Amino acid sequence: MKKTVTWILIADGTQARVLENTGPGKGLRQWRGWISPSTR
């Protein structure tokens, strides 16, 4: 079976975060490969 990855973008006018889920029962974790410009 092919691995399913779901990315979720949470953003407002000042910041953004990308979360990922790598499968059933794995929960959400913050994806560190991208950082919002406002958090630098």
Protein backbone atom coordinates (compact mmCIF):
# COMPACT_ATOMS: atom_id res chain seq x y z
CA MET A 1 0.00 0.00 0.00
CA LYS A 2 1.25 3.49 -0.85
CA LYS A 3 2.15 5.73 2.10
CA THR A 4 -0.27 8.65 2.51
CA VAL A 5 0.96 11.99 3.84
CA THR A 6 -1.46 14.83 4.56
CA TRP A 7 -0.19 18.38 5.03
CA ILE A 8 -2.28 21.00 6.83
CA LEU A 9 -1.56 24.72 6.52
CA ILE A 10 -2.67 26.92 9.43
CA ALA A 11 -2.25 30.61 8.73
CA ASP A 12 -3.50 34.07 9.58
CA GLY A 13 -2.35 37.56 8.64
CA THR A 14 0.91 37.37 10.61
CA GLN A 15 2.10 33.76 10.83
CA ALA A 16 1.78 30.29 9.33
CA ARG A 17 2.54 26.69 10.30
CA VAL A 18 2.55 23.48 8.31
CA LEU A 19 1.51 20.27 10.06
CA GLU A 20 1.76 16.77 8.65
CA ASN A 21 0.09 13.45 9.30
CA THR A 22 1.85 10.34 7.97
CA GLY A 23 -0.99 7.88 8.50
CA PRO A 24 -3.76 6.61 10.73
CA GLY A 25 -2.95 6.84 14.43
CA LYS A 26 0.21 8.92 13.85
CA GLY A 27 -1.22 12.27 15.01
CA LEU A 28 -0.08 15.66 13.75
CA ARG A 29 3.44 17.02 13.96
CA GLN A 30 4.85 20.35 12.92
CA TRP A 31 6.79 20.14 9.69
CA ARG A 32 10.21 21.75 10.19
CA GLY A 33 11.15 21.98 6.51
CA TRP A 34 9.50 25.37 6.17
CA ILE A 35 9.50 28.37 8.50
CA SER A 36 7.10 31.29 8.19
CA PRO A 37 8.95 34.53 7.32
CA SER A 38 7.38 36.20 10.36
CA THR A 39 9.07 33.71 12.74
CA ARG A 40 12.63 34.32 11.54
